[in-house]
Amino acid sequence: MLIEKKEDLIGDFSQIQIGETPLFRLSRTGDPSRPIFVKLENANPSGSIRDRYIQEIVERGLRAGQIQRGDTLVLAGIDDSAVSAAYLAGVHGLNAVVFAPESSSKRLVQVLEGHAKLFWTEDSEGLEGAVQTAAAYARDSIERIYVDGYRRQAVKDAYGALAQEIVSDLGETVLGGFVTSVTTGATFREVSRVLRARQPQLEVRGVRLVESEFATDEQNPFIRQAAMEDVWRLRDEVFEKEGLLLGPKGAACVLECLQLQSEIPQGRAVVALNPDSGSRYNGWEDQKLFRAKFD
């Protein structure tokens, strides 16, 4: 769905529509001869890209009879995957339980309340401890399903479909670059794989927020670190110029697109992925977004 102006963003979510999210052209940002488009994954029902693979996992389980109405989805970590699972559990007549360390950022707690049961795990055990506790809880009953982002075929299919949407929405416009935020690396890997199969010379970049729960000192020439000060500044600039409120990960991707424009031929487009809802970060600009305490 190609969007040329913000008035076209108004959508009807009375019926569940996961995927086919808008591709928004930034008309006042960057070099117009190498236009930047933003894939608005926040337009998914629960507000993030995670709806794609969570729905893929749930639908596969329902079709195979491995998931029944009344069963419980079990997750570790208070993140967009947990929000998506809680939302989709309600849609499919399921329950949702989330385990997370006590030090977790409380940014998404209010979103989850009333939709999932939250259990706090020992802070000293970190996220790995929450993962182990959640997995053990799921193993205790056949009516519990542990959900994670490493179900390869579901993730591959879900994010492969996203890549196909980008190609379709661009139409005759040639894609020169693609930028996504990097958490576990699934989006970076799977979307890039499909796009490069069509455009072998495609420039691909990943971006990690410096304050991300997955930030690392590992050196990768195709994955950059984005400072929060620069991210918030760019987010505000895009909102002022384009009327589009990005999340910090999406803003970081646009920031990298601005650098990438000089490396691709004129006439080719750069696509940035906005994975989640910008409104969920309002008021959190001076706080830890992902964890209350960092190792």
C-alpha atoms as a PDB file:
ATOM      1  CA  MET A   1       0.000   0.000   0.000  1.00  0.00           C
ATOM      2  CA  LEU A   2       1.898   3.069  -1.248  1.00  0.00           C
ATOM      3  CA  ILE A   3       1.132   6.261   0.718  1.00  0.00           C
ATOM      4  CA  GLU A   4       2.000   9.644  -0.735  1.00  0.00           C
ATOM      5  CA  LYS A   5       0.471  11.861   1.975  1.00  0.00           C
ATOM      6  CA  LYS A   6      -0.413  11.463   5.634  1.00  0.00           C
ATOM      7  CA  GLU A   7      -4.169  11.870   5.048  1.00  0.00           C
ATOM      8  CA  ASP A   8      -4.097   8.425   3.397  1.00  0.00           C
ATOM      9  CA  LEU A   9      -2.909   6.793   6.624  1.00  0.00           C
ATOM     10  CA  ILE A  10      -6.371   6.602   8.187  1.00  0.00           C
ATOM     11  CA  GLY A  11      -7.231   2.895   8.236  1.00  0.00           C
ATOM     12  CA  ASP A  12     -10.175   0.733   9.249  1.00  0.00           C
ATOM     13  CA  PHE A  13      -9.078  -1.898  11.738  1.00  0.00           C
ATOM     14  CA  SER A  14     -12.594  -3.119  12.491  1.00  0.00           C
ATOM     15  CA  GLN A  15     -11.466  -6.251  10.662  1.00  0.00           C
ATOM     16  CA  ILE A  16      -8.113  -7.749  11.540  1.00  0.00           C
ATOM     17  CA  GLN A  17      -5.554  -7.048   8.852  1.00  0.00           C
ATOM     18  CA  ILE A  18      -2.002  -8.114   9.533  1.00  0.00           C
ATOM     19  CA  GLY A  19       0.449  -7.069   6.885  1.00  0.00           C
ATOM     20  CA  GLU A  20      -0.177  -4.944   3.790  1.00  0.00           C
ATOM     21  CA  THR A  21       1.016  -2.008   5.876  1.00  0.00           C
ATOM     22  CA  PRO A  22       1.492   1.453   4.318  1.00  0.00           C
ATOM     23  CA  LEU A  23       4.664   2.467   2.502  1.00  0.00           C
ATOM     24  CA  PHE A  24       4.976   6.196   3.183  1.00  0.00           C
ATOM     25  CA  ARG A  25       7.119   8.467   1.005  1.00  0.00           C
ATOM     26  CA  LEU A  26       9.027  11.200   2.848  1.00  0.00           C
ATOM     27  CA  SER A  27       8.521  14.220   0.611  1.00  0.00           C
ATOM     28  CA  ARG A  28      10.456  16.792   2.659  1.00  0.00           C
ATOM     29  CA  THR A  29      13.318  14.724   4.039  1.00  0.00           C
ATOM     30  CA  GLY A  30      16.577  13.880   2.287  1.00  0.00           C
ATOM     31  CA  ASP A  31      17.541  13.917  -1.388  1.00  0.00           C
ATOM     32  CA  PRO A  32      14.362  13.769  -3.520  1.00  0.00           C
ATOM     33  CA  SER A  33      16.299  12.148  -6.378  1.00  0.00           C
ATOM     34  CA  ARG A  34      16.816   9.131  -4.104  1.00  0.00           C
ATOM     35  CA  PRO A  35      13.501   9.104  -2.228  1.00  0.00           C
ATOM     36  CA  ILE A  36      13.112   7.597   1.217  1.00  0.00           C
ATOM     37  CA  PHE A  37      10.060   5.441   1.894  1.00  0.00           C
ATOM     38  CA  VAL A  38       9.040   4.212   5.352  1.00  0.00           C
ATOM     39  CA  LYS A  39       7.321   0.869   5.838  1.00  0.00           C
ATOM     40  CA  LEU A  40       4.849   1.565   8.657  1.00  0.00           C
ATOM     41  CA  GLU A  41       4.681  -1.688  10.595  1.00  0.00           C
ATOM     42  CA  ASN A  42       3.033   0.201  13.459  1.00  0.00           C
ATOM     43  CA  ALA A  43      -0.145  -0.035  11.341  1.00  0.00           C
ATOM     44  CA  ASN A  44      -0.464  -3.702  12.264  1.00  0.00           C
ATOM     45  CA  PRO A  45      -3.312  -4.283  14.763  1.00  0.00           C
ATOM     46  CA  SER A  46      -1.232  -4.501  17.948  1.00  0.00           C
ATOM     47  CA  GLY A  47       1.083  -1.737  16.772  1.00  0.00           C
ATOM     48  CA  SER A  48       4.204  -3.543  15.596  1.00  0.00           C
ATOM     49  CA  ILE A  49       5.901  -5.813  13.088  1.00  0.00           C
ATOM     50  CA  ARG A  50       5.751  -8.664  15.622  1.00  0.00           C
ATOM     51  CA  ASP A  51       2.117  -9.335  14.664  1.00  0.00           C
ATOM     52  CA  ARG A  52       3.431 -10.952  11.504  1.00  0.00           C
ATOM     53  CA  TYR A  53       5.372 -13.824  13.018  1.00  0.00           C
ATOM     54  CA  ILE A  54       3.165 -14.257  16.107  1.00  0.00           C
ATOM     55  CA  GLN A  55       0.122 -14.651  13.861  1.00  0.00           C
ATOM     56  CA  GLU A  56       2.050 -17.054  11.646  1.00  0.00           C
ATOM     57  CA  ILE A  57       2.931 -19.229  14.671  1.00  0.00           C
ATOM     58  CA  VAL A  58      -0.617 -19.150  16.067  1.00  0.00           C
ATOM     59  CA  GLU A  59      -2.294 -19.903  12.739  1.00  0.00           C
ATOM     60  CA  ARG A  60       0.072 -22.792  12.055  1.00  0.00           C
ATOM     61  CA  GLY A  61      -0.679 -24.226  15.490  1.00  0.00           C
ATOM     62  CA  LEU A  62      -4.427 -23.849  15.083  1.00  0.00           C
ATOM     63  CA  ARG A  63      -4.430 -25.485  11.650  1.00  0.00           C
ATOM     64  CA  ALA A  64      -2.345 -28.392  12.908  1.00  0.00           C
ATOM     65  CA  GLY A  65      -4.471 -28.849  16.020  1.00  0.00           C
ATOM     66  CA  GLN A  66      -1.466 -28.108  18.249  1.00  0.00           C
ATOM     67  CA  ILE A  67      -3.225 -25.036  19.647  1.00  0.00           C
ATOM     68  CA  GLN A  68      -6.830 -25.141  20.871  1.00  0.00           C
ATOM     69  CA  ARG A  69      -9.140 -22.391  22.057  1.00  0.00           C
ATOM     70  CA  GLY A  70      -8.493 -21.776  25.731  1.00  0.00           C
ATOM     71  CA  ASP A  71      -4.790 -22.663  25.499  1.00  0.00           C
ATOM     72  CA  THR A  72      -2.142 -20.266  26.790  1.00  0.00           C
ATOM     73  CA  LEU A  73       0.640 -18.504  24.886  1.00  0.00           C
ATOM     74  CA  VAL A  74       3.741 -18.138  27.078  1.00  0.00           C
ATOM     75  CA  LEU A  75       6.446 -15.541  26.419  1.00  0.00           C
ATOM     76  CA  ALA A  76       9.548 -14.098  28.064  1.00  0.00           C
ATOM     77  CA  GLY A  77      10.222 -10.363  28.090  1.00  0.00           C
ATOM     78  CA  ILE A  78       8.018  -7.277  28.030  1.00  0.00           C
ATOM     79  CA  ASP A  79       8.345  -6.268  24.410  1.00  0.00           C
ATOM     80  CA  ASP A  80       6.328  -5.914  21.223  1.00  0.00           C
ATOM     81  CA  SER A  81       6.139  -9.697  20.836  1.00  0.00           C
ATOM     82  CA  ALA A  82       4.396  -9.912  24.208  1.00  0.00           C
ATOM     83  CA  VAL A  83       1.960  -7.169  23.219  1.00  0.00           C
ATOM     84  CA  SER A  84       1.249  -8.912  19.931  1.00  0.00           C
ATOM     85  CA  ALA A  85       0.728 -12.286  21.602  1.00  0.00           C
ATOM     86  CA  ALA A  86      -1.631 -10.759  24.157  1.00  0.00           C
ATOM     87  CA  TYR A  87      -3.655  -9.087  21.418  1.00  0.00           C
ATOM     88  CA  LEU A  88      -3.817 -12.141  19.168  1.00  0.00           C
ATOM     89  CA  ALA A  89      -4.604 -14.410  22.107  1.00  0.00           C
ATOM     90  CA  GLY A  90      -7.766 -12.373  22.645  1.00  0.00           C
ATOM     91  CA  VAL A  91      -8.633 -12.594  18.957  1.00  0.00           C
ATOM     92  CA  HIS A  92      -8.282 -16.387  18.860  1.00  0.00           C
ATOM     93  CA  GLY A  93      -9.827 -17.221  22.232  1.00  0.00           C
ATOM     94  CA  LEU A  94      -6.485 -17.946  23.900  1.00  0.00           C
ATOM     95  CA  ASN A  95      -4.741 -16.702  27.032  1.00  0.00           C
ATOM     96  CA  ALA A  96      -1.340 -15.031  27.368  1.00  0.00           C
ATOM     97  CA  VAL A  97       1.255 -15.174  30.148  1.00  0.00           C
ATOM     98  CA  VAL A  98       4.467 -13.128  30.178  1.00  0.00           C
ATOM     99  CA  PHE A  99       7.528 -13.649  32.380  1.00  0.00           C
ATOM    100  CA  ALA A 100      10.034 -10.804  32.729  1.00  0.00           C
ATOM    101  CA  PRO A 101      12.859  -9.692  35.052  1.00  0.00           C
ATOM    102  CA  GLU A 102      11.847  -7.228  37.754  1.00  0.00           C
ATOM    103  CA  SER A 103      14.236  -4.660  36.278  1.00  0.00           C
ATOM    104  CA  SER A 104      12.413  -4.632  32.928  1.00  0.00           C
ATOM    105  CA  SER A 105      11.342  -1.270  31.587  1.00  0.00           C
ATOM    106  CA  LYS A 106       7.709  -0.680  32.501  1.00  0.00           C
ATOM    107  CA  ARG A 107       7.013   1.170  29.238  1.00  0.00           C
ATOM    108  CA  LEU A 108       4.649  -1.500  27.876  1.00  0.00           C
ATOM    109  CA  VAL A 109       3.151  -2.746  31.148  1.00  0.00           C
ATOM    110  CA  GLN A 110       0.055  -0.579  30.830  1.00  0.00           C
ATOM    111  CA  VAL A 111      -0.504  -1.859  27.286  1.00  0.00           C
ATOM    112  CA  LEU A 112      -0.365  -5.465  28.527  1.00  0.00           C
ATOM    113  CA  GLU A 113      -2.494  -5.040  31.655  1.00  0.00           C
ATOM    114  CA  GLY A 114      -5.868  -6.706  31.277  1.00  0.00           C
ATOM    115  CA  HIS A 115      -4.675  -8.688  28.255  1.00  0.00           C
ATOM    116  CA  ALA A 116      -1.935 -10.888  29.720  1.00  0.00           C
ATOM    117  CA  LYS A 117      -0.830 -12.154  33.121  1.00  0.00           C
ATOM    118  CA  LEU A 118       2.566 -10.792  34.150  1.00  0.00           C
ATOM    119  CA  PHE A 119       5.010 -12.679  36.365  1.00  0.00           C
ATOM    120  CA  TRP A 120       8.235 -11.057  37.546  1.00  0.00           C
ATOM    121  CA  THR A 121      11.374 -13.178  37.712  1.00  0.00           C
ATOM    122  CA  GLU A 122      14.556 -12.694  39.726  1.00  0.00           C
ATOM    123  CA  ASP A 123      16.500  -9.681  38.577  1.00  0.00           C
ATOM    124  CA  SER A 124      19.819 -11.423  39.114  1.00  0.00           C
ATOM    125  CA  GLU A 125      18.915 -14.063  36.510  1.00  0.00           C
ATOM    126  CA  GLY A 126      18.297 -11.497  33.775  1.00  0.00           C
ATOM    127  CA  LEU A 127      16.308 -12.145  30.624  1.00  0.00           C
ATOM    128  CA  GLU A 128      17.811 -15.615  30.288  1.00  0.00           C
ATOM    129  CA  GLY A 129      16.261 -16.515  33.628  1.00  0.00           C
ATOM    130  CA  ALA A 130      12.868 -15.305  32.424  1.00  0.00           C
ATOM    131  CA  VAL A 131      13.265 -17.391  29.255  1.00  0.00           C
ATOM    132  CA  GLN A 132      14.057 -20.526  31.265  1.00  0.00           C
ATOM    133  CA  THR A 133      11.167 -19.917  33.667  1.00  0.00           C
ATOM    134  CA  ALA A 134       8.708 -19.300  30.824  1.00  0.00           C
ATOM    135  CA  ALA A 135       9.844 -22.414  28.952  1.00  0.00           C
ATOM    136  CA  ALA A 136       9.546 -24.554  32.086  1.00  0.00           C
ATOM    137  CA  TYR A 137       6.073 -23.165  32.791  1.00  0.00           C
ATOM    138  CA  ALA A 138       4.989 -24.027  29.244  1.00  0.00           C
ATOM    139  CA  ARG A 139       6.343 -27.576  29.530  1.00  0.00           C
ATOM    140  CA  ASP A 140       4.195 -28.229  32.611  1.00  0.00           C
ATOM    141  CA  SER A 141       0.986 -28.413  30.569  1.00  0.00           C
ATOM    142  CA  ILE A 142      -0.009 -29.449  27.050  1.00  0.00           C
ATOM    143  CA  GLU A 143      -2.326 -26.435  27.052  1.00  0.00           C
ATOM    144  CA  ARG A 144       0.614 -24.021  27.187  1.00  0.00           C
ATOM    145  CA  ILE A 145       2.702 -23.021  24.153  1.00  0.00           C
ATOM    146  CA  TYR A 146       6.042 -21.282  24.512  1.00  0.00           C
ATOM    147  CA  VAL A 147       6.373 -18.628  21.803  1.00  0.00           C
ATOM    148  CA  ASP A 148       9.703 -17.178  20.690  1.00  0.00           C
ATOM    149  CA  GLY A 149      11.266 -15.573  17.645  1.00  0.00           C
ATOM    150  CA  TYR A 150      13.331 -18.591  16.630  1.00  0.00           C
ATOM    151  CA  ARG A 151      10.645 -20.653  14.909  1.00  0.00           C
ATOM    152  CA  ARG A 152      12.507 -20.356  11.678  1.00  0.00           C
ATOM    153  CA  GLN A 153       9.917 -21.266   9.087  1.00  0.00           C
ATOM    154  CA  ALA A 154       7.214 -19.061  10.611  1.00  0.00           C
ATOM    155  CA  VAL A 155       9.613 -16.115  10.811  1.00  0.00           C
ATOM    156  CA  LYS A 156      10.945 -16.774   7.329  1.00  0.00           C
ATOM    157  CA  ASP A 157       7.451 -16.838   5.804  1.00  0.00           C
ATOM    158  CA  ALA A 158       6.187 -13.834   7.756  1.00  0.00           C
ATOM    159  CA  TYR A 159       9.100 -11.559   6.909  1.00  0.00           C
ATOM    160  CA  GLY A 160       9.377 -12.886   3.382  1.00  0.00           C
ATOM    161  CA  ALA A 161       5.821 -11.641   2.838  1.00  0.00           C
ATOM    162  CA  LEU A 162       6.871  -8.216   4.142  1.00  0.00           C
ATOM    163  CA  ALA A 163       9.647  -8.062   1.556  1.00  0.00           C
ATOM    164  CA  GLN A 164       7.209  -8.960  -1.220  1.00  0.00           C
ATOM    165  CA  GLU A 165       4.940  -6.115  -0.105  1.00  0.00           C
ATOM    166  CA  ILE A 166       7.796  -3.619  -0.386  1.00  0.00           C
ATOM    167  CA  VAL A 167       8.587  -4.724  -3.930  1.00  0.00           C
ATOM    168  CA  SER A 168       4.916  -4.643  -4.934  1.00  0.00           C
ATOM    169  CA  ASP A 169       4.249  -1.224  -3.417  1.00  0.00           C
ATOM    170  CA  LEU A 170       7.263   0.377  -5.108  1.00  0.00           C
ATOM    171  CA  GLY A 171       5.969  -0.697  -8.504  1.00  0.00           C
ATOM    172  CA  GLU A 172       8.300   0.604 -11.204  1.00  0.00           C
ATOM    173  CA  THR A 173      10.543   2.391  -8.707  1.00  0.00           C
ATOM    174  CA  VAL A 174      13.857   0.566  -8.358  1.00  0.00           C
ATOM    175  CA  LEU A 175      14.909  -0.238  -4.806  1.00  0.00           C
ATOM    176  CA  GLY A 176      18.470   0.829  -4.087  1.00  0.00           C
ATOM    177  CA  GLY A 177      18.693   0.412  -0.321  1.00  0.00           C
ATOM    178  CA  PHE A 178      16.931  -1.138   2.659  1.00  0.00           C
ATOM    179  CA  VAL A 179      17.449  -0.297   6.339  1.00  0.00           C
ATOM    180  CA  THR A 180      15.953  -2.083   9.341  1.00  0.00           C
ATOM    181  CA  SER A 181      16.545  -2.027  13.062  1.00  0.00           C
ATOM    182  CA  VAL A 182      18.268  -5.104  14.444  1.00  0.00           C
ATOM    183  CA  THR A 183      17.130  -6.954  17.552  1.00  0.00           C
ATOM    184  CA  THR A 184      17.514 -10.707  17.091  1.00  0.00           C
ATOM    185  CA  GLY A 185      18.457 -10.173  13.442  1.00  0.00           C
ATOM    186  CA  ALA A 186      15.497 -12.054  11.932  1.00  0.00           C
ATOM    187  CA  THR A 187      14.069  -9.071  10.049  1.00  0.00           C
ATOM    188  CA  PHE A 188      17.492  -8.020   8.790  1.00  0.00           C
ATOM    189  CA  ARG A 189      18.221 -11.546   7.598  1.00  0.00           C
ATOM    190  CA  GLU A 190      14.907 -12.644   6.098  1.00  0.00           C
ATOM    191  CA  VAL A 191      13.694  -9.425   4.485  1.00  0.00           C
ATOM    192  CA  SER A 192      17.121  -8.754   3.011  1.00  0.00           C
ATOM    193  CA  ARG A 193      17.314 -12.299   1.638  1.00  0.00           C
ATOM    194  CA  VAL A 194      14.129 -11.878  -0.408  1.00  0.00           C
ATOM    195  CA  LEU A 195      14.932  -8.333  -1.551  1.00  0.00           C
ATOM    196  CA  ARG A 196      18.451  -9.256  -2.664  1.00  0.00           C
ATOM    197  CA  ALA A 197      17.136 -12.211  -4.629  1.00  0.00           C
ATOM    198  CA  ARG A 198      15.368  -9.625  -6.796  1.00  0.00           C
ATOM    199  CA  GLN A 199      18.004  -6.888  -6.598  1.00  0.00           C
ATOM    200  CA  PRO A 200      21.478  -8.408  -6.069  1.00  0.00           C
ATOM    201  CA  GLN A 201      23.171  -4.987  -5.891  1.00  0.00           C
ATOM    202  CA  LEU A 202      20.857  -3.804  -3.120  1.00  0.00           C
ATOM    203  CA  GLU A 203      22.574  -1.932  -0.281  1.00  0.00           C
ATOM    204  CA  VAL A 204      21.346  -3.323   3.060  1.00  0.00           C
ATOM    205  CA  ARG A 205      21.993  -1.817   6.496  1.00  0.00           C
ATOM    206  CA  GLY A 206      20.965  -2.685  10.021  1.00  0.00           C
ATOM    207  CA  VAL A 207      20.751  -0.248  12.937  1.00  0.00           C
ATOM    208  CA  ARG A 208      20.885  -0.895  16.674  1.00  0.00           C
ATOM    209  CA  LEU A 209      19.957   1.694  19.257  1.00  0.00           C
ATOM    210  CA  VAL A 210      22.814   2.287  21.672  1.00  0.00           C
ATOM    211  CA  GLU A 211      20.375   1.685  24.551  1.00  0.00           C
ATOM    212  CA  SER A 212      18.828  -1.416  22.997  1.00  0.00           C
ATOM    213  CA  GLU A 213      18.549  -4.557  25.086  1.00  0.00           C
ATOM    214  CA  PHE A 214      20.552  -6.222  22.312  1.00  0.00           C
ATOM    215  CA  ALA A 215      23.235  -3.556  21.947  1.00  0.00           C
ATOM    216  CA  THR A 216      26.673  -5.079  21.461  1.00  0.00           C
ATOM    217  CA  ASP A 217      30.281  -4.124  20.866  1.00  0.00           C
ATOM    218  CA  GLU A 218      30.513  -6.640  18.036  1.00  0.00           C
ATOM    219  CA  GLN A 219      31.792  -5.032  14.853  1.00  0.00           C
ATOM    220  CA  ASN A 220      29.711  -5.545  11.695  1.00  0.00           C
ATOM    221  CA  PRO A 221      30.225  -3.181   8.741  1.00  0.00           C
ATOM    222  CA  PHE A 222      26.553  -3.513   7.782  1.00  0.00           C
ATOM    223  CA  ILE A 223      25.094  -2.891  11.251  1.00  0.00           C
ATOM    224  CA  ARG A 224      25.480   0.552  12.761  1.00  0.00           C
ATOM    225  CA  GLN A 225      24.866   1.902  16.257  1.00  0.00           C
ATOM    226  CA  ALA A 226      22.543   4.908  16.589  1.00  0.00           C
ATOM    227  CA  ALA A 227      22.904   7.365  19.474  1.00  0.00           C
ATOM    228  CA  MET A 228      19.625   8.198  21.203  1.00  0.00           C
ATOM    229  CA  GLU A 229      20.263  11.938  21.032  1.00  0.00           C
ATOM    230  CA  ASP A 230      20.456  11.757  17.227  1.00  0.00           C
ATOM    231  CA  VAL A 231      17.453   9.444  17.039  1.00  0.00           C
ATOM    232  CA  TRP A 232      15.147  11.721  19.049  1.00  0.00           C
ATOM    233  CA  ARG A 233      16.280  14.750  17.040  1.00  0.00           C
ATOM    234  CA  LEU A 234      15.523  13.038  13.733  1.00  0.00           C
ATOM    235  CA  ARG A 235      12.189  11.736  15.037  1.00  0.00           C
ATOM    236  CA  ASP A 236      11.122  15.289  15.881  1.00  0.00           C
ATOM    237  CA  GLU A 237      12.324  16.630  12.520  1.00  0.00           C
ATOM    238  CA  VAL A 238      10.351  14.015  10.581  1.00  0.00           C
ATOM    239  CA  PHE A 239       7.240  14.724  12.623  1.00  0.00           C
ATOM    240  CA  GLU A 240       7.560  18.464  12.006  1.00  0.00           C
ATOM    241  CA  LYS A 241       8.239  18.138   8.275  1.00  0.00           C
ATOM    242  CA  GLU A 242       6.137  15.111   7.358  1.00  0.00           C
ATOM    243  CA  GLY A 243       3.487  14.859  10.075  1.00  0.00           C
ATOM    244  CA  LEU A 244       4.644  11.300  10.723  1.00  0.00           C
ATOM    245  CA  LEU A 245       5.460  10.093  14.246  1.00  0.00           C
ATOM    246  CA  LEU A 246       8.103   7.376  14.139  1.00  0.00           C
ATOM    247  CA  GLY A 247       9.343   5.185  16.946  1.00  0.00           C
ATOM    248  CA  PRO A 248      13.035   5.514  17.852  1.00  0.00           C
ATOM    249  CA  LYS A 249      13.938   2.386  15.864  1.00  0.00           C
ATOM    250  CA  GLY A 250      12.168   3.749  12.802  1.00  0.00           C
ATOM    251  CA  ALA A 251      13.842   7.131  13.261  1.00  0.00           C
ATOM    252  CA  ALA A 252      17.221   5.401  13.506  1.00  0.00           C
ATOM    253  CA  CYS A 253      16.501   3.656  10.206  1.00  0.00           C
ATOM    254  CA  VAL A 254      15.632   6.937   8.491  1.00  0.00           C
ATOM    255  CA  LEU A 255      18.806   8.450   9.929  1.00  0.00           C
ATOM    256  CA  GLU A 256      20.814   5.663   8.292  1.00  0.00           C
ATOM    257  CA  CYS A 257      18.858   6.105   5.046  1.00  0.00           C
ATOM    258  CA  LEU A 258      20.034   9.703   4.882  1.00  0.00           C
ATOM    259  CA  GLN A 259      23.631   8.430   4.977  1.00  0.00           C
ATOM    260  CA  LEU A 260      22.902   5.651   2.504  1.00  0.00           C
ATOM    261  CA  GLN A 261      21.386   7.981  -0.117  1.00  0.00           C
ATOM    262  CA  SER A 262      24.819   9.103  -1.285  1.00  0.00           C
ATOM    263  CA  GLU A 263      25.829   5.488  -1.971  1.00  0.00           C
ATOM    264  CA  ILE A 264      23.066   4.561  -4.406  1.00  0.00           C
ATOM    265  CA  PRO A 265      22.346   5.762  -7.959  1.00  0.00           C
ATOM    266  CA  GLN A 266      19.929   8.608  -8.583  1.00  0.00           C
ATOM    267  CA  GLY A 267      16.382   7.501  -9.237  1.00  0.00           C
ATOM    268  CA  ARG A 268      16.533   4.572  -6.851  1.00  0.00           C
ATOM    269  CA  ALA A 269      14.614   4.466  -3.584  1.00  0.00           C
ATOM    270  CA  VAL A 270      15.665   3.676  -0.031  1.00  0.00           C
ATOM    271  CA  VAL A 271      13.216   1.965   2.309  1.00  0.00           C
ATOM    272  CA  ALA A 272      13.357   2.325   6.096  1.00  0.00           C
ATOM    273  CA  LEU A 273      11.413   0.020   8.383  1.00  0.00           C
ATOM    274  CA  ASN A 274       9.415   1.544  11.246  1.00  0.00           C
ATOM    275  CA  PRO A 275       8.792  -1.536  13.396  1.00  0.00           C
ATOM    276  CA  ASP A 276       6.582  -0.157  16.137  1.00  0.00           C
ATOM    277  CA  SER A 277       4.386   2.662  17.400  1.00  0.00           C
ATOM    278  CA  GLY A 278       5.968   6.034  18.043  1.00  0.00           C
ATOM    279  CA  SER A 279       3.204   7.040  20.445  1.00  0.00           C
ATOM    280  CA  ARG A 280       4.270   4.308  22.890  1.00  0.00           C
ATOM    281  CA  TYR A 281       7.546   6.146  23.478  1.00  0.00           C
ATOM    282  CA  ASN A 282       6.033   9.547  24.274  1.00  0.00           C
ATOM    283  CA  GLY A 283       7.210  10.640  27.708  1.00  0.00           C
ATOM    284  CA  TRP A 284       9.995   8.051  27.766  1.00  0.00           C
ATOM    285  CA  GLU A 285      12.623  10.106  25.963  1.00  0.00           C
ATOM    286  CA  ASP A 286      14.714  10.552  29.134  1.00  0.00           C
ATOM    287  CA  GLN A 287      14.140   7.051  30.512  1.00  0.00           C
ATOM    288  CA  LYS A 288      15.447   3.586  29.777  1.00  0.00           C
ATOM    289  CA  LEU A 289      13.289   2.210  26.989  1.00  0.00           C
ATOM    290  CA  PHE A 290      13.970  -1.488  27.303  1.00  0.00           C
ATOM    291  CA  ARG A 291      15.490  -2.331  30.667  1.00  0.00           C
ATOM    292  CA  ALA A 292      15.433  -0.439  33.937  1.00  0.00           C
ATOM    293  CA  LYS A 293      18.925  -1.741  34.728  1.00  0.00           C
ATOM    294  CA  PHE A 294      21.751  -2.548  32.362  1.00  0.00           C
ATOM    295  CA  ASP A 295      24.500  -5.093  32.894  1.00  0.00           C
END
